[in-house]
N, C-alpha and C. Protein backbone atom coordinates (compact mmCIF):
# COMPACT_ATOMS: atom_id res chain seq x y z
N MET A 1 20.55 -51.93 30.91
CA MET A 1 19.80 -50.98 31.14
C MET A 1 19.77 -49.53 30.37
N PRO A 2 20.98 -49.26 31.33
CA PRO A 2 21.33 -47.68 31.51
C PRO A 2 21.84 -47.81 29.67
N ASP A 3 22.32 -48.27 29.41
CA ASP A 3 23.14 -48.20 28.02
C ASP A 3 21.47 -47.74 26.81
N GLN A 4 20.34 -48.31 27.14
CA GLN A 4 19.19 -48.29 26.15
C GLN A 4 18.64 -46.87 26.52
N VAL A 5 18.40 -46.32 27.79
CA VAL A 5 18.36 -44.72 28.43
C VAL A 5 19.60 -43.65 27.89
N VAL A 6 20.25 -44.29 27.76
CA VAL A 6 21.66 -43.49 26.78
C VAL A 6 21.41 -43.07 25.73
N ILE A 7 20.36 -43.97 24.51
CA ILE A 7 20.85 -44.24 23.40
C ILE A 7 19.08 -43.67 23.09
N ARG A 8 18.15 -43.52 23.90
CA ARG A 8 16.98 -43.00 23.78
C ARG A 8 17.13 -41.27 23.64
N TRP A 9 18.39 -41.32 25.22
CA TRP A 9 18.38 -39.44 25.22
C TRP A 9 19.39 -39.43 23.63
N LEU A 10 20.02 -39.68 23.23
CA LEU A 10 21.50 -39.88 21.66
C LEU A 10 19.86 -39.18 20.62
N ILE A 11 19.30 -40.20 20.59
CA ILE A 11 18.52 -40.63 19.34
C ILE A 11 17.37 -39.31 19.65
N LEU A 12 16.69 -38.79 21.13
CA LEU A 12 15.92 -37.92 21.06
C LEU A 12 16.55 -36.14 21.03
N LEU A 13 17.65 -36.44 21.41
CA LEU A 13 18.89 -35.14 20.80
C LEU A 13 18.93 -34.96 19.75
N SER A 14 19.51 -36.04 19.21
CA SER A 14 19.35 -36.00 17.45
C SER A 14 18.06 -35.29 16.67
N PHE A 15 17.62 -35.73 16.92
CA PHE A 15 16.13 -35.30 16.48
C PHE A 15 15.90 -33.87 16.76
N ALA A 16 16.25 -33.65 17.82
CA ALA A 16 15.89 -32.17 18.32
C ALA A 16 16.75 -31.31 17.47
N LEU A 17 18.07 -31.67 17.15
CA LEU A 17 19.40 -30.59 16.96
C LEU A 17 18.86 -30.84 15.46
N VAL A 18 18.48 -32.10 14.79
CA VAL A 18 18.63 -32.04 13.40
C VAL A 18 17.23 -31.67 12.46
N GLY A 19 16.83 -32.27 13.55
CA GLY A 19 14.89 -31.82 12.91
C GLY A 19 14.47 -30.10 12.19
N PRO A 20 15.07 -29.31 13.56
CA PRO A 20 14.95 -27.70 13.11
C PRO A 20 15.01 -27.35 11.55
N ILE A 21 16.02 -28.21 10.99
CA ILE A 21 17.11 -27.92 9.90
C ILE A 21 16.58 -27.97 8.91
N GLN A 22 15.49 -29.32 8.68
CA GLN A 22 14.87 -29.66 7.81
C GLN A 22 13.31 -28.76 7.48
N LEU A 23 13.01 -27.74 8.39
CA LEU A 23 12.13 -27.09 8.46
C LEU A 23 11.99 -25.79 7.58
N PRO A 24 11.28 -25.44 6.89
CA PRO A 24 11.18 -24.14 6.42
C PRO A 24 11.65 -22.57 6.76
N ALA A 25 11.97 -22.20 7.14
CA ALA A 25 12.15 -21.02 8.13
C ALA A 25 11.24 -19.72 7.45
N ALA A 26 10.51 -19.08 8.13
CA ALA A 26 9.66 -17.91 7.44
C ALA A 26 10.07 -16.75 6.96
N SER A 27 11.64 -16.42 6.85
CA SER A 27 11.98 -14.88 6.55
C SER A 27 12.30 -15.72 4.98
N LEU A 28 12.78 -16.94 4.56
CA LEU A 28 13.62 -17.42 3.45
C LEU A 28 12.23 -17.79 2.59
N GLU A 29 11.08 -17.71 2.93
CA GLU A 29 9.58 -17.45 1.97
C GLU A 29 9.10 -16.07 1.21
N PRO A 30 9.36 -15.88 -0.03
CA PRO A 30 8.64 -14.36 0.36
C PRO A 30 7.28 -14.00 0.39
N LYS A 31 7.44 -12.93 0.75
CA LYS A 31 5.98 -12.98 1.13
C LYS A 31 5.10 -12.22 -0.06
N LYS A 32 3.86 -12.84 -0.21
CA LYS A 32 2.96 -12.75 -1.20
C LYS A 32 2.17 -11.62 -1.01
N ILE A 33 2.29 -10.36 -1.89
CA ILE A 33 1.82 -8.81 -1.81
C ILE A 33 0.80 -8.83 -2.71
N GLN A 34 0.20 -8.60 -2.58
CA GLN A 34 -1.72 -8.42 -2.97
C GLN A 34 -2.07 -7.09 -3.25
N LEU A 35 -2.04 -6.58 -4.55
CA LEU A 35 -2.50 -5.53 -5.49
C LEU A 35 -3.93 -5.87 -5.43
N ARG A 36 -5.09 -4.48 -5.00
CA ARG A 36 -6.30 -4.56 -4.85
C ARG A 36 -6.86 -3.31 -5.56
N ARG A 37 -7.70 -3.20 -6.38
CA ARG A 37 -7.89 -2.09 -7.14
C ARG A 37 -8.52 -1.03 -5.85
N ARG A 38 -8.34 -0.18 -6.04
CA ARG A 38 -10.04 1.13 -5.52
C ARG A 38 -11.30 0.67 -5.51
N GLN A 39 -11.84 0.64 -4.69
CA GLN A 39 -13.57 0.69 -4.48
C GLN A 39 -13.66 1.95 -5.35
N ILE A 40 -14.48 2.20 -5.91
CA ILE A 40 -15.59 3.67 -6.61
C ILE A 40 -16.03 4.20 -5.25
N HIS A 41 -16.40 3.36 -4.66
CA HIS A 41 -17.04 4.23 -2.99
C HIS A 41 -15.61 4.61 -1.91
N GLU A 42 -14.45 4.17 -2.27
CA GLU A 42 -13.25 4.43 -1.01
C GLU A 42 -12.33 5.70 -1.52
N PRO A 43 -12.05 6.31 -0.80
CA PRO A 43 -11.52 7.49 -0.86
C PRO A 43 -10.17 7.25 -1.86
N MET A 44 -9.66 8.18 -2.33
CA MET A 44 -8.25 8.18 -2.92
C MET A 44 -7.14 8.68 -1.58
N ILE A 45 -5.77 8.44 -1.63
CA ILE A 45 -5.40 8.76 -0.39
C ILE A 45 -3.98 9.60 -1.15
N SER A 46 -3.98 10.66 -0.13
CA SER A 46 -2.79 11.93 -0.70
C SER A 46 -1.22 11.02 -0.81
N THR A 47 -0.48 11.50 -1.38
CA THR A 47 0.82 11.18 -1.30
C THR A 47 1.76 12.38 -1.48
N GLY A 48 1.48 13.28 -1.64
CA GLY A 48 1.90 14.87 -0.81
C GLY A 48 2.43 15.38 -2.36
N GLN A 49 2.30 14.36 -3.61
CA GLN A 49 2.87 14.12 -4.96
C GLN A 49 1.74 15.26 -5.93
N GLU A 50 0.73 15.28 -5.49
CA GLU A 50 -0.24 15.48 -6.53
C GLU A 50 -1.02 17.71 -6.16
N ASP A 51 -0.34 17.70 -7.19
CA ASP A 51 -0.82 19.37 -7.41
C ASP A 51 -2.51 20.01 -7.24
N LEU A 52 -2.88 20.61 -6.28
CA LEU A 52 -3.96 20.78 -6.07
C LEU A 52 -4.43 22.02 -6.49
N ARG A 53 -5.11 22.28 -7.86
CA ARG A 53 -5.40 23.59 -8.33
C ARG A 53 -6.75 24.10 -8.61
N VAL A 54 -6.83 25.30 -7.96
CA VAL A 54 -8.60 26.53 -8.20
C VAL A 54 -9.26 25.89 -9.39
N ALA A 55 -9.04 25.64 -10.58
CA ALA A 55 -9.60 25.39 -11.88
C ALA A 55 -8.55 24.56 -12.41
N PRO A 56 -9.43 23.06 -13.38
CA PRO A 56 -9.26 22.23 -14.02
C PRO A 56 -8.00 23.11 -15.61
N PHE A 57 -6.66 23.01 -14.98
CA PHE A 57 -5.86 24.27 -16.04
C PHE A 57 -4.67 23.41 -15.74
N SER A 58 -3.79 23.56 -15.94
CA SER A 58 -2.54 23.55 -15.96
C SER A 58 -2.04 24.84 -15.65
N VAL A 59 -2.80 25.60 -16.33
CA VAL A 59 -2.45 27.19 -15.86
C VAL A 59 -2.87 27.44 -14.40
N ALA A 60 -4.08 27.25 -14.35
CA ALA A 60 -4.32 27.13 -13.00
C ALA A 60 -3.92 27.38 -11.44
N PRO A 61 -3.67 28.73 -10.48
CA PRO A 61 -3.15 28.81 -9.33
C PRO A 61 -3.58 26.99 -8.68
N LEU A 62 -1.95 26.58 -7.74
CA LEU A 62 -2.38 25.65 -6.39
C LEU A 62 -2.78 26.35 -5.74
N VAL A 63 -3.66 25.44 -5.35
CA VAL A 63 -4.81 25.89 -3.85
C VAL A 63 -3.45 26.21 -2.32
N SER A 64 -3.65 26.87 -2.08
CA SER A 64 -2.96 26.69 -1.04
C SER A 64 -2.13 26.25 0.29
N ASN A 65 -2.84 25.61 0.66
CA ASN A 65 -2.95 24.38 1.80
C ASN A 65 -3.64 22.99 1.29
N PRO A 66 -2.78 22.53 0.60
CA PRO A 66 -3.24 20.77 -0.21
C PRO A 66 -3.45 19.57 0.61
N GLY A 67 -3.01 20.43 2.27
CA GLY A 67 -3.30 18.53 2.77
C GLY A 67 -2.21 17.84 3.13
N ASP A 68 -2.04 17.29 4.24
CA ASP A 68 -0.99 15.94 4.86
C ASP A 68 -1.11 15.31 3.39
N VAL A 69 0.45 14.18 3.60
CA VAL A 69 0.45 13.02 3.46
C VAL A 69 -0.36 12.08 3.56
N GLY A 70 -1.29 11.26 3.07
CA GLY A 70 -2.28 10.29 3.94
C GLY A 70 -3.00 10.86 4.09
N ALA A 71 -3.64 11.83 3.30
CA ALA A 71 -4.54 12.51 3.33
C ALA A 71 -6.03 11.59 3.11
N PRO A 72 -6.79 11.47 3.36
CA PRO A 72 -8.04 10.76 2.04
C PRO A 72 -8.91 12.13 1.15
N MET A 73 -9.03 12.00 -0.31
CA MET A 73 -9.43 12.50 -1.03
C MET A 73 -10.51 11.73 -1.61
N ARG A 74 -11.90 12.62 -1.18
CA ARG A 74 -12.38 11.89 -2.12
C ARG A 74 -13.13 12.47 -3.85
N VAL A 75 -13.94 12.01 -4.18
CA VAL A 75 -14.13 12.13 -5.75
C VAL A 75 -14.86 12.85 -5.85
N LEU A 76 -15.11 14.08 -6.50
CA LEU A 76 -16.70 14.81 -5.80
C LEU A 76 -16.89 14.70 -7.89
N ARG A 77 -16.35 15.15 -8.68
CA ARG A 77 -16.61 15.38 -9.98
C ARG A 77 -15.02 14.49 -11.27
N GLN A 78 -15.52 14.68 -11.81
CA GLN A 78 -14.57 14.31 -12.71
C GLN A 78 -14.34 15.10 -14.31
N TRP A 79 -13.44 15.35 -15.42
CA TRP A 79 -14.05 15.94 -16.01
C TRP A 79 -12.12 16.25 -17.10
N ARG A 80 -12.81 15.62 -18.69
CA ARG A 80 -12.19 14.79 -19.56
C ARG A 80 -11.99 15.77 -20.39
N GLU A 81 -10.34 16.39 -20.43
CA GLU A 81 -9.74 17.42 -21.33
C GLU A 81 -9.32 16.49 -22.18
N HIS A 82 -9.02 15.58 -22.73
CA HIS A 82 -8.37 14.91 -23.77
C HIS A 82 -8.90 13.36 -23.39
N PRO A 83 -8.92 12.96 -23.95
CA PRO A 83 -9.23 11.16 -24.52
C PRO A 83 -7.97 10.68 -23.00
N ASP A 84 -6.70 10.66 -22.73
CA ASP A 84 -5.56 10.63 -22.03
C ASP A 84 -5.19 11.58 -20.76
N ARG A 85 -6.15 12.41 -20.77
CA ARG A 85 -6.07 13.25 -19.45
C ARG A 85 -7.22 13.72 -19.28
N ALA A 86 -7.01 13.70 -17.44
CA ALA A 86 -8.74 13.58 -17.13
C ALA A 86 -8.51 14.38 -15.64
N TRP A 87 -9.26 15.59 -15.24
CA TRP A 87 -9.32 15.78 -14.38
C TRP A 87 -10.09 15.81 -12.98
N LEU A 88 -10.23 15.69 -11.50
CA LEU A 88 -10.94 14.88 -11.27
C LEU A 88 -11.02 16.55 -10.01
N LEU A 89 -11.97 16.12 -9.61
CA LEU A 89 -12.80 17.64 -8.36
C LEU A 89 -12.37 16.55 -7.03
N VAL A 90 -11.24 16.75 -6.25
CA VAL A 90 -11.27 16.18 -4.95
C VAL A 90 -11.22 17.50 -3.91
N LYS A 91 -11.74 16.24 -2.52
CA LYS A 91 -12.33 17.10 -1.52
C LYS A 91 -11.17 16.40 -0.31
N THR A 92 -10.37 17.44 0.32
CA THR A 92 -9.69 16.73 1.60
C THR A 92 -10.11 17.39 3.16
N PRO A 93 -9.76 16.54 3.76
CA PRO A 93 -10.29 17.35 4.77
C PRO A 93 -10.17 19.14 5.28
N PHE A 94 -9.35 19.57 4.30
CA PHE A 94 -9.01 20.73 4.17
C PHE A 94 -9.16 21.41 3.76
N THR A 95 -9.41 20.91 2.57
CA THR A 95 -9.65 22.02 1.67
C THR A 95 -10.46 21.15 0.14
N ARG A 96 -10.58 21.89 -1.26
CA ARG A 96 -11.16 20.52 -2.18
C ARG A 96 -9.93 21.56 -3.32
N GLY A 97 -9.92 20.86 -4.25
CA GLY A 97 -8.94 21.17 -5.84
C GLY A 97 -9.42 20.21 -6.85
N TRP A 98 -8.24 20.90 -8.04
CA TRP A 98 -8.53 19.78 -9.10
C TRP A 98 -7.26 19.11 -9.34
N VAL A 99 -7.09 17.54 -9.60
CA VAL A 99 -5.98 16.78 -9.75
C VAL A 99 -5.99 16.78 -11.14
N CYS A 100 -4.87 16.43 -11.91
CA CYS A 100 -5.07 16.23 -13.38
C CYS A 100 -4.51 14.85 -13.19
N THR A 101 -4.89 13.81 -13.62
CA THR A 101 -4.68 12.28 -14.09
C THR A 101 -4.27 11.70 -15.66
N ILE A 102 -2.96 11.25 -15.23
CA ILE A 102 -2.67 11.16 -17.27
C ILE A 102 -2.87 9.74 -17.31
N ASN A 103 -3.32 9.12 -18.25
CA ASN A 103 -3.86 7.76 -18.53
C ASN A 103 -2.78 7.47 -19.33
């Protein structure tokens, strides 16, 4: 009888030690990144790289306080200068200005 108990414990212990090795680790699976397009009604988010200008021209002066990184920018108007270049009039919580986009 004691031999059966020892055998049962050895089997249980082997499953407990070897079983988890066969299971996949969560860190080994690559995360699937979902890309989604911004909907027309959602605001754009400022990256801090864009130049807000007072007019839709490359030579126009920059807005003095463009805002913080991560600030929402709502598009108010769009103006196409060329087929591959558009200017967006955006409003941030602090100010408004024109941003150039190149397609």
